[in-house]
Protein backbone atom coordinates (compact mmCIF):
# COMPACT_ATOMS: atom_id res chain seq x y z
CA MET A 1 16.68 -7.43 -1.11
CA THR A 2 15.16 -5.32 -3.36
CA ARG A 3 11.60 -4.57 -4.76
CA ARG A 4 11.80 -7.04 -7.77
CA ASP A 5 13.06 -9.70 -5.30
CA LEU A 6 9.82 -9.90 -3.07
CA GLN A 7 7.43 -11.72 -5.58
CA GLU A 8 9.59 -14.77 -4.82
CA THR A 9 9.68 -14.25 -1.07
CA MET A 10 8.96 -12.55 2.17
CA ALA A 11 11.42 -9.71 3.61
CA PRO A 12 11.24 -9.02 6.74
CA MET A 13 8.27 -6.72 7.80
CA VAL A 14 9.47 -3.42 9.87
CA THR A 15 7.92 -2.95 13.64
CA ALA A 16 5.41 -0.22 13.28
CA LYS A 17 2.95 0.73 15.73
CA GLN A 18 0.51 2.85 12.71
CA SER A 19 -2.59 1.34 11.11
CA LEU A 20 -3.07 -0.29 8.43
CA ASP A 21 -4.75 2.40 7.05
CA ASP A 22 -1.87 4.81 7.65
CA PHE A 23 0.14 2.26 6.55
CA LEU A 24 -1.09 1.84 2.91
CA ALA A 25 -1.59 5.49 2.84
CA GLN A 26 1.62 6.21 3.09
CA GLU A 27 2.44 2.92 0.46
CA ARG A 28 0.23 5.10 -1.81
CA THR A 29 1.52 8.26 -1.17
CA ALA A 30 5.93 6.55 -1.87
CA LEU A 31 4.12 5.41 -5.56
CA VAL A 32 2.72 8.04 -7.20
CA SER A 33 5.44 10.15 -5.67
CA ASP A 34 7.88 7.54 -8.10
CA CYS A 35 5.51 6.56 -10.74
CA THR A 36 6.17 8.72 -13.99
CA ALA A 37 3.49 7.51 -16.06
CA CYS A 38 5.65 6.01 -18.58
CA GLY A 39 3.41 3.28 -19.65
CA LYS A 40 5.96 0.68 -19.55
CA CYS A 41 4.33 -1.48 -17.55
CA VAL A 42 0.76 -1.73 -19.57
CA GLU A 43 3.12 -1.75 -22.45
CA VAL A 44 4.29 -5.21 -21.77
CA CYS A 45 1.29 -6.32 -19.81
CA PRO A 46 -0.37 -9.07 -21.41
CA VAL A 47 -3.95 -8.05 -20.28
CA THR A 48 -3.67 -5.41 -22.59
CA PRO A 49 -4.42 -6.93 -25.59
CA PHE A 50 -7.65 -8.00 -24.28
CA THR A 51 -8.79 -4.41 -23.15
CA ALA A 52 -9.74 -2.02 -25.40
CA ILE A 53 -6.10 0.56 -24.93
CA GLN A 54 -4.20 1.47 -27.89
CA SER A 55 -1.11 1.92 -28.49
CA GLY A 56 -0.58 5.39 -27.17
CA ASP A 57 -2.71 4.61 -24.39
CA GLU A 58 -0.56 3.21 -22.12
CA PRO A 59 0.66 6.74 -19.55
CA GLY A 60 -2.81 8.16 -19.47
CA VAL A 61 -3.52 4.77 -18.20
CA MET A 62 -0.78 5.35 -15.80
CA ALA A 63 -2.58 8.53 -15.15
CA GLY A 64 -5.28 7.32 -13.97
CA VAL A 65 -4.50 4.77 -11.48
CA LEU A 66 -2.19 7.47 -10.17
CA GLY A 67 -5.48 9.70 -9.75
CA LEU A 68 -6.85 7.47 -7.62
CA LEU A 69 -4.02 6.50 -5.46
CA ARG A 70 -3.30 10.09 -5.38
CA ASP A 71 -7.18 11.22 -4.26
CA GLY A 72 -9.39 8.79 -4.89
CA THR A 73 -10.42 10.05 -8.43
CA PRO A 74 -13.04 7.09 -9.20
CA LEU A 75 -10.68 4.92 -12.07
CA GLN A 76 -12.76 5.52 -16.03
CA GLY A 77 -12.71 4.14 -19.00
CA ALA A 78 -8.90 2.25 -19.96
CA ALA A 79 -7.25 3.06 -16.71
CA GLN A 80 -10.47 0.86 -15.19
CA GLU A 81 -10.48 -1.96 -17.56
CA TRP A 82 -6.77 -2.31 -17.23
CA SER A 83 -6.58 -2.21 -13.73
CA SER A 84 -9.38 -4.37 -12.63
CA GLN A 85 -7.68 -7.51 -15.12
CA CYS A 86 -4.75 -7.38 -13.43
CA ASN A 87 -3.85 -10.79 -12.57
CA GLY A 88 -0.61 -10.65 -10.66
CA CYS A 89 1.85 -12.00 -12.58
CA GLY A 90 4.18 -9.27 -12.73
CA LEU A 91 6.28 -9.57 -15.60
CA CYS A 92 5.58 -5.69 -15.53
CA ILE A 93 8.16 -5.30 -12.79
CA PRO A 94 10.98 -6.03 -14.45
CA VAL A 95 10.46 -3.16 -17.29
CA CYS A 96 9.89 -0.57 -14.53
CA PRO A 97 12.80 2.01 -15.21
CA GLU A 98 11.87 3.63 -11.39
CA ALA A 99 12.44 0.59 -9.81
CA ILE A 100 8.34 0.72 -9.29
CA ASN A 101 6.49 -2.79 -8.05
CA PRO A 102 3.69 -2.11 -10.71
CA ARG A 103 1.40 -5.53 -9.17
CA ARG A 104 2.29 -3.75 -6.09
CA MET A 105 0.74 -0.30 -7.35
CA LEU A 106 -2.29 -2.20 -8.32
CA MET A 107 -3.12 -4.28 -5.23
CA LEU A 108 -3.25 -0.73 -3.65
CA VAL A 109 -5.67 0.28 -6.15
CA ASN A 110 -7.96 -3.14 -5.91
CA THR A 111 -7.73 -1.74 -1.38
CA VAL A 112 -8.90 2.00 -2.96
CA GLU A 113 -11.98 0.51 -5.40
CA ALA A 114 -13.18 -1.51 -2.57
CA GLU A 115 -12.66 0.77 0.06
CA GLN A 116 -15.19 3.35 -1.71
CA ASP A 117 -17.67 0.58 -3.12
CA SER A 118 -17.11 -3.40 -2.50
CA PRO A 119 -18.94 -5.55 -4.63
CA THR A 120 -18.54 -8.17 -2.78
CA PRO A 121 -18.77 -6.55 0.51
CA GLN A 122 -20.02 -10.25 3.12
CA LEU A 123 -16.73 -11.89 0.89
CA PHE A 124 -14.87 -13.54 4.26
CA ARG A 125 -18.37 -14.69 5.89
CA LYS A 126 -19.57 -16.27 2.59
CA MET A 127 -16.56 -17.93 1.53
CA SER A 128 -15.38 -19.53 5.33
CA ARG A 129 -18.93 -20.95 4.96
CA ALA A 130 -18.06 -22.32 1.45
CA ILE A 131 -14.54 -23.87 2.65
CA ARG A 132 -15.52 -25.13 6.05
CA ILE A 133 -18.92 -27.27 4.21
CA MET A 134 -15.73 -28.10 1.54
CA ALA A 135 -13.75 -29.74 4.33
CA ALA A 136 -16.74 -31.41 6.07
CA MET A 137 -18.00 -33.35 2.36
CA GLN A 138 -14.41 -34.92 1.95
CA LEU A 139 -12.72 -35.00 5.29
CA ALA A 140 -12.80 -37.65 8.55
CA PRO A 141 -13.04 -35.81 11.54
CA PRO A 142 -9.67 -36.07 12.79
CA GLU A 143 -7.76 -34.35 9.48
CA PHE A 144 -11.08 -31.56 9.59
CA ASP A 145 -9.87 -30.28 12.74
CA LYS A 146 -6.34 -30.80 11.98
CA LEU A 147 -7.24 -27.98 9.09
CA LEU A 148 -10.08 -26.31 10.69
CA ARG A 149 -9.42 -25.89 14.40
CA ASN A 150 -6.03 -24.48 14.90
CA PRO A 151 -3.65 -25.94 17.50
CA ARG A 152 -2.88 -24.20 21.08
CA ALA A 153 0.89 -22.39 20.58
CA HIS A 154 3.93 -24.55 21.54
CA PRO A 155 7.65 -24.93 20.29
CA ALA A 156 8.35 -26.07 16.56
CA ASP A 157 10.58 -25.35 14.39
CA VAL A 158 7.75 -24.79 11.19
CA VAL A 159 4.95 -23.59 10.97
CA PHE A 160 2.97 -25.13 7.54
CA TYR A 161 0.16 -22.18 6.71
CA THR A 162 -2.35 -23.41 4.80
CA GLY A 163 -4.20 -20.43 4.07
CA CYS A 164 -7.75 -20.39 3.36
CA ASN A 165 -9.16 -21.35 0.17
CA PRO A 166 -6.57 -24.78 -0.05
CA ILE A 167 -8.43 -26.24 2.49
CA ARG A 168 -11.26 -26.44 -0.78
CA THR A 169 -8.86 -28.92 -1.73
CA PRO A 170 -7.32 -30.43 1.17
CA HIS A 171 -5.43 -33.43 -0.33
CA LEU A 172 -3.30 -31.38 -1.34
CA LEU A 173 -2.27 -30.14 2.02
CA PHE A 174 -2.08 -33.36 3.53
CA ASN A 175 0.52 -34.60 0.66
CA ALA A 176 2.47 -31.61 1.82
CA MET A 177 2.85 -33.12 5.22
CA ALA A 178 3.53 -36.21 4.10
CA ILE A 179 6.74 -34.62 2.38
CA LEU A 180 7.39 -32.75 5.41
CA ASP A 181 6.94 -36.38 7.58
CA ALA A 182 9.42 -37.70 5.55
CA LEU A 183 12.21 -35.50 5.84
CA GLU A 184 11.26 -35.48 9.40
CA VAL A 185 10.66 -31.36 9.90
CA ASP A 186 9.37 -30.44 13.49
CA TYR A 187 6.07 -28.93 12.23
CA GLU A 188 2.65 -27.38 13.40
CA VAL A 189 -0.04 -26.89 10.89
CA VAL A 190 -2.00 -23.64 11.34
CA GLY A 191 -4.35 -22.10 8.53
CA GLY A 192 -8.18 -21.36 8.01
CA PRO A 193 -10.49 -18.94 8.00
CA GLY A 194 -8.94 -18.74 11.89
CA ALA A 195 -5.76 -17.44 10.37
CA CYS A 196 -6.25 -15.40 7.13
CA CYS A 197 -3.32 -13.74 5.68
CA GLY A 198 -6.44 -10.48 5.33
CA ILE A 199 -6.11 -10.30 1.50
CA ILE A 200 -9.90 -11.17 1.95
CA GLN A 201 -11.09 -7.93 3.93
CA SER A 202 -8.08 -5.61 2.78
CA LYS A 203 -8.51 -6.15 -0.96
CA TRP A 204 -11.75 -7.41 -1.60
CA GLU A 205 -13.71 -5.84 1.47
CA GLY A 206 -12.03 -2.67 1.45
CA ASP A 207 -12.31 -3.05 5.79
CA GLN A 208 -8.71 -1.92 6.83
CA ALA A 209 -9.04 -1.77 10.23
CA SER A 210 -10.85 -6.08 10.12
CA ALA A 211 -7.85 -6.43 7.59
CA GLU A 212 -5.10 -5.08 10.73
CA ARG A 213 -7.13 -7.03 13.39
CA VAL A 214 -6.32 -10.14 11.39
CA VAL A 215 -2.78 -9.59 10.13
CA ASP A 216 -2.00 -9.21 13.73
CA GLY A 217 -3.85 -11.60 14.96
CA THR A 218 -2.10 -14.08 12.41
CA ILE A 219 1.27 -12.89 12.98
CA SER A 220 1.30 -13.48 16.61
CA ARG A 221 -0.31 -17.03 15.85
CA PHE A 222 2.52 -17.62 14.24
CA ALA A 223 5.09 -16.32 16.73
CA GLY A 224 3.33 -18.53 19.29
CA PHE A 225 5.47 -21.04 17.99
CA GLN A 226 8.47 -19.92 18.11
CA PRO A 227 9.77 -20.81 14.51
CA LYS A 228 12.25 -20.46 12.59
CA GLU A 229 10.06 -20.15 9.42
CA VAL A 230 7.02 -19.86 8.54
CA LEU A 231 6.43 -21.72 5.05
CA SER A 232 2.83 -20.90 2.76
CA TRP A 233 1.11 -23.33 0.70
CA CYS A 234 -1.28 -20.72 -0.72
CA PRO A 235 0.85 -17.80 -2.93
CA SER A 236 -2.21 -15.06 -2.74
CA CYS A 237 -0.36 -15.27 1.23
CA VAL A 238 2.63 -14.70 -0.10
CA LEU A 239 1.99 -12.13 -2.03
CA HIS A 240 -0.16 -10.20 0.43
CA LEU A 241 2.08 -10.64 3.38
CA GLY A 242 4.96 -10.45 1.29
CA GLU A 243 4.56 -8.03 -1.43
CA THR A 244 1.65 -5.90 -0.60
CA LEU A 245 2.37 -5.28 3.07
CA SER A 246 5.80 -5.33 3.10
CA GLY A 247 7.25 -3.22 5.95
CA PHE A 248 4.27 -3.08 8.01
CA ARG A 249 5.00 -5.46 11.00
CA GLN A 250 7.91 -7.18 12.07
CA ALA A 251 8.43 -10.91 12.48
CA SER A 252 10.92 -12.95 14.05
CA PHE A 253 10.42 -16.06 11.08
CA GLU A 254 11.06 -16.54 8.04
CA PHE A 255 8.12 -16.48 5.38
CA ASP A 256 8.27 -18.32 2.03
CA HIS A 257 6.73 -20.87 0.00
CA VAL A 258 7.07 -24.07 0.65
CA THR A 259 8.80 -24.84 -2.29
CA ASN A 260 11.19 -23.10 -1.46
CA TYR A 261 11.96 -24.84 1.40
CA LEU A 262 11.51 -28.47 0.02
CA VAL A 263 13.64 -27.58 -3.22
CA ALA A 264 16.09 -26.33 -0.64
CA ARG A 265 16.32 -30.17 0.70
CA ALA A 266 16.10 -31.49 -2.85
CA GLN A 267 18.95 -34.15 -2.15
CA GLY A 268 17.57 -35.51 0.94
CA LEU A 269 14.02 -35.32 -0.48
CA ALA A 270 15.78 -37.37 -3.59
CA ASP A 271 17.57 -39.76 -1.12
CA ARG A 272 14.42 -41.25 -0.03
CA PHE A 273 12.30 -41.73 -3.10
CA VAL A 274 12.10 -45.96 -3.02
CA GLN A 275 9.29 -46.06 -5.99
CA PRO A 276 9.76 -45.22 -9.65
CA VAL A 277 6.49 -43.33 -11.23
CA ASN A 278 6.61 -44.60 -14.43
CA LYS A 279 4.77 -41.70 -16.31
CA ARG A 280 4.54 -38.88 -18.92
CA VAL A 281 4.09 -35.45 -17.37
CA LEU A 282 2.89 -31.96 -18.43
CA LEU A 283 3.69 -28.97 -15.56
CA HIS A 284 0.90 -26.78 -15.30
CA THR A 285 2.62 -23.52 -14.08
CA HIS A 286 2.19 -19.68 -13.56
CA ASP A 287 4.10 -16.54 -14.76
CA GLY A 288 3.79 -15.37 -11.50
CA MET A 289 5.97 -16.11 -9.47
CA ASP A 290 7.99 -18.62 -11.42
CA LYS A 291 9.91 -19.72 -8.87
CA VAL A 292 7.70 -21.55 -7.55
CA GLY A 293 6.92 -23.82 -11.07
CA ARG A 294 10.91 -24.09 -11.44
CA ASN A 295 11.33 -25.38 -7.63
CA VAL A 296 7.80 -28.00 -8.64
CA ALA A 297 10.28 -28.77 -12.05
CA ALA A 298 13.02 -29.50 -10.19
CA MET A 299 12.35 -32.03 -7.54
CA LEU A 300 9.87 -33.86 -10.29
CA SER A 301 13.16 -34.54 -12.35
CA SER A 302 14.78 -36.15 -9.09
CA ILE A 303 11.56 -39.20 -9.16
CA PRO A 304 12.81 -41.76 -10.66
CA GLY A 305 10.96 -43.12 -13.42
CA LEU A 306 9.24 -39.96 -14.58
CA THR A 307 9.67 -37.63 -17.46
CA ARG A 308 8.57 -34.24 -17.72
CA VAL A 309 7.60 -33.94 -21.30
CA ASP A 310 6.83 -30.22 -21.22
CA THR A 311 5.63 -27.34 -19.04
CA VAL A 312 2.91 -25.12 -20.22
CA SER A 313 2.72 -21.74 -17.98
CA GLU A 314 -0.43 -20.17 -17.49
CA PRO A 315 -1.04 -16.15 -17.04
CA GLY A 316 -1.23 -14.33 -13.60
CA TYR A 317 0.36 -16.04 -10.42
CA THR A 318 -2.15 -18.32 -10.17
CA CYS A 319 -5.84 -19.98 -11.26
CA GLY A 320 -8.92 -18.31 -9.41
CA GLY A 321 -10.51 -15.12 -8.66
CA SER A 322 -7.08 -13.00 -8.06
CA GLY A 323 -5.66 -14.81 -10.75
CA ALA A 324 -5.63 -15.55 -13.93
CA ASP A 325 -9.82 -15.04 -13.46
CA ARG A 326 -9.68 -11.90 -13.58
CA SER A 327 -8.92 -11.81 -16.98
CA PRO A 328 -11.16 -14.00 -18.87
CA GLY A 329 -10.27 -13.31 -22.34
CA LEU A 330 -6.55 -14.01 -21.88
CA LYS A 331 -7.30 -16.61 -19.62
CA GLN A 332 -9.29 -19.21 -21.95
CA ALA A 333 -6.54 -18.42 -25.14
CA ALA A 334 -3.82 -19.29 -22.58
CA ARG A 335 -6.08 -22.76 -20.85
CA ALA A 336 -6.83 -24.01 -24.45
CA LYS A 337 -3.47 -24.07 -25.35
CA THR A 338 -2.62 -26.01 -22.11
CA LEU A 339 -5.60 -28.69 -22.62
CA ALA A 340 -4.15 -29.18 -26.56
CA ARG A 341 -0.48 -30.47 -25.47
CA ALA A 342 -2.31 -32.20 -22.22
CA GLU A 343 -4.39 -34.06 -25.32
CA ALA A 344 -1.21 -34.67 -27.10
CA ASP A 345 0.59 -38.42 -27.09
CA ASP A 346 3.18 -37.92 -25.41
CA VAL A 347 1.06 -36.54 -22.53
CA ASP A 348 -0.19 -39.19 -19.36
CA VAL A 349 -0.47 -36.75 -17.02
CA LEU A 350 -1.56 -32.72 -16.39
CA VAL A 351 0.32 -31.65 -13.53
CA SER A 352 -1.34 -28.54 -11.70
CA LEU A 353 0.30 -26.26 -9.06
CA TYR A 354 -1.64 -24.81 -6.95
CA HIS A 355 -5.33 -25.37 -5.35
CA GLY A 356 -6.70 -23.16 -7.71
CA CYS A 357 -5.23 -25.01 -10.03
CA HIS A 358 -6.00 -28.12 -9.35
CA GLY A 359 -9.76 -27.40 -8.82
CA GLN A 360 -10.60 -26.23 -12.14
CA LEU A 361 -8.15 -28.58 -13.79
CA SER A 362 -8.73 -31.73 -12.23
CA GLY A 363 -12.60 -31.90 -13.46
CA LEU A 364 -11.53 -32.49 -16.40
CA GLU A 365 -9.66 -35.75 -16.43
CA ALA A 366 -13.19 -37.09 -16.76
CA LYS A 367 -13.43 -35.88 -20.67
CA GLY A 368 -9.74 -35.69 -21.12
CA ASN A 369 -7.29 -38.32 -22.31
CA PHE A 370 -5.12 -37.17 -19.72
CA GLN A 371 -4.90 -37.67 -15.91
CA VAL A 372 -4.57 -34.67 -13.49
CA LEU A 373 -2.34 -35.01 -10.22
CA ASN A 374 -1.12 -32.30 -8.01
CA TRP A 375 2.42 -32.54 -7.69
CA THR A 376 2.26 -33.74 -3.93
CA ASP A 377 0.79 -37.16 -5.03
CA LEU A 378 3.93 -37.62 -7.23
CA LEU A 379 6.40 -36.76 -4.79
CA VAL A 380 4.06 -38.57 -2.16
CA GLN A 381 3.97 -42.23 -4.93
CA ALA A 382 7.79 -41.74 -5.35
CA LEU A 383 7.88 -41.91 -1.30
CA GLY A 384 6.70 -45.10 -1.98
CA GLN A 385 3.81 -43.84 -0.16
CA GLN A 386 -0.09 -43.87 -0.99
CA PRO A 387 -1.16 -39.82 -2.00
CA HIS A 388 -4.40 -38.68 0.49
CA ASP A 389 -7.66 -39.40 -1.12
CA ASP A 390 -8.57 -36.71 -3.62
CA ILE A 391 -11.97 -37.06 -3.05
CA SER A 392 -12.24 -33.18 -4.81
CA LYS A 393 -11.42 -34.43 -8.20
CA ARG A 394 -13.97 -37.36 -7.44
CA TYR A 395 -16.76 -34.90 -7.01
CA ARG A 396 -15.65 -32.30 -9.73
CA MET A 397 -16.16 -35.46 -12.65
CA GLN A 398 -19.43 -36.17 -11.61
CA ASP A 399 -22.17 -34.47 -13.64
CA ASP A 400 -24.76 -35.69 -10.99
CA TRP A 401 -24.60 -33.31 -7.74
CA ASP A 402 -26.80 -36.11 -5.87
CA MET A 403 -23.83 -38.38 -6.34
CA VAL A 404 -21.82 -36.04 -4.63
CA LEU A 405 -24.15 -36.08 -1.95
CA ASP A 406 -24.45 -39.24 -1.60
CA GLU A 407 -20.72 -39.43 -0.39
CA GLY A 408 -20.10 -36.03 1.00
CA GLU A 409 -23.11 -36.36 3.02
CA ILE A 410 -21.46 -39.21 5.45
CA TYR A 411 -18.63 -36.88 5.47
CA LEU A 412 -20.68 -33.78 6.64
CA LYS A 413 -22.62 -35.88 9.37
CA ALA A 414 -19.71 -37.24 10.82
CA ASN A 415 -18.23 -33.71 10.85
CA GLY A 416 -21.75 -32.90 12.92
CA ILE A 417 -23.03 -30.95 10.16
CA ASP A 418 -26.76 -31.80 9.22
CA MET A 419 -27.86 -29.65 6.60
CA ASP A 420 -31.06 -29.96 4.77
CA ARG A 421 -30.31 -32.18 1.54
CA ASP A 422 -32.47 -30.09 -1.24
CA TRP A 423 -30.78 -26.62 -0.07
CA LEU A 424 -27.34 -27.30 0.10
CA LYS A 425 -27.43 -29.52 -4.15
CA ASN A 426 -28.91 -26.14 -5.14
CA LEU A 427 -26.05 -24.35 -3.84
CA LEU A 428 -23.79 -27.04 -4.97
CA PRO A 429 -22.50 -25.44 -8.18
CA GLU A 430 -21.87 -22.04 -6.75
CA ILE A 431 -19.95 -23.67 -4.01
CA PHE A 432 -17.67 -26.02 -6.04
CA ALA A 433 -17.37 -22.55 -8.09
CA GLN A 434 -16.64 -20.06 -5.89
CA THR A 435 -19.19 -17.98 -6.95
CA GLU A 436 -18.51 -15.60 -3.95
CA PHE A 437 -15.77 -13.94 -5.93
CA LYS A 438 -17.81 -12.57 -8.14
CA GLY A 439 -20.86 -11.39 -5.81
CA GLY A 440 -22.44 -14.65 -5.49
CA LEU A 441 -23.63 -17.34 -2.96
CA GLU A 442 -25.94 -14.76 -1.36
CA ALA A 443 -27.24 -17.60 1.06
CA PHE A 444 -24.06 -17.74 2.87
CA ALA A 445 -24.53 -13.08 3.59
CA SER A 446 -27.31 -14.13 5.28
CA SER A 447 -27.97 -15.15 9.70
CA ARG A 448 -27.49 -18.96 10.07
CA LYS A 449 -31.31 -19.53 10.51
CA ASN A 450 -31.32 -19.45 6.49
CA THR A 451 -27.96 -21.73 6.12
CA GLY A 452 -29.59 -25.15 5.43
CA VAL A 453 -28.57 -26.11 9.52
CA VAL A 454 -30.95 -28.43 10.47
CA GLY A 455 -31.52 -29.08 14.51
């Protein structure tokens, strides 16, 4: 497997007793040695036109990046502006004449900058609390427990790894489980903040000691099930464990995105489709990890009655704070094109790719002439089943937080969470917008006595 292949799947990790700090230092040294600062990655980067970088500046930008990786010299000017907007699209990878992965290089840049001065030092704490509240507002207690309380280890052929943030849109995960059930897969579910991939601690908080404990703990949790494969829903987990940390630890199982597993069994899945889905759909995908988009397109093409009229690919590897949102100007331009295409007369449904995409797109259904569904909704329909209730979309389509809480409080209390209504109402806009990734949600960084919990 070449370095470039790592963007598609996770290579086996190498046994090593070294610390994560030492591993990252070793990787930075290798990249500094290999990179010639030719600037070709900057030239092809879709973010570059949205910066002040001029033609001819590219080698200087990379010289700044290498300075940070070499001896910690803080990024300034064009180098800082460019690296901070990296959305993980990976279009730089095939053009590097040295076969370096520039996306991985910039992920390592992120870790160094976070170590120097993280603007989100309590991100994991804030994120974990936000995820718990959002899930508790949408799920009955048994479903809440399935996603937030990891089971005891027992032999299973497959581990379905939800990651952390996908639990904000839990209906996608339960749809995916329905598909695995239809294929009669022997699997167990692992995920939530208790089984994080470590990207928050490493890339955002700059705490490599904590990140190492988290990574080792999660890999050990996977191994406890003795699986042949671990299937990740979250693209950030795939990139972090499979690309940024490639070579850090060894595993006895294959680690891959769930769509690769499903598309390899596409015929068996298609044989189980019993319900036509007479919809004309526009598929939303991303430039980064584009194989996932191709996988979804292939599965949609086998659904009886369904017509995929077009595909719109947006920059980055996903929507959200780790992906497309890092370059707001580029994101805005791409999103305008997506919505214009979705409004066309030949489109009934805009199909989302990941949880972050669905969270951003689903609320637009209230204002558009199209429905927003995830690809898992359509596969479950084709299987003759009812997709899991998309309560997240229902909330996002509301323009009244009191109406959201009228339903949400019922679920919260059923899950044993009793919060001051006014306090939570004031925080809901931040929770749904995931402002913790921009330094917001300060209320969740404080002690328990200030978290609005009653009793």
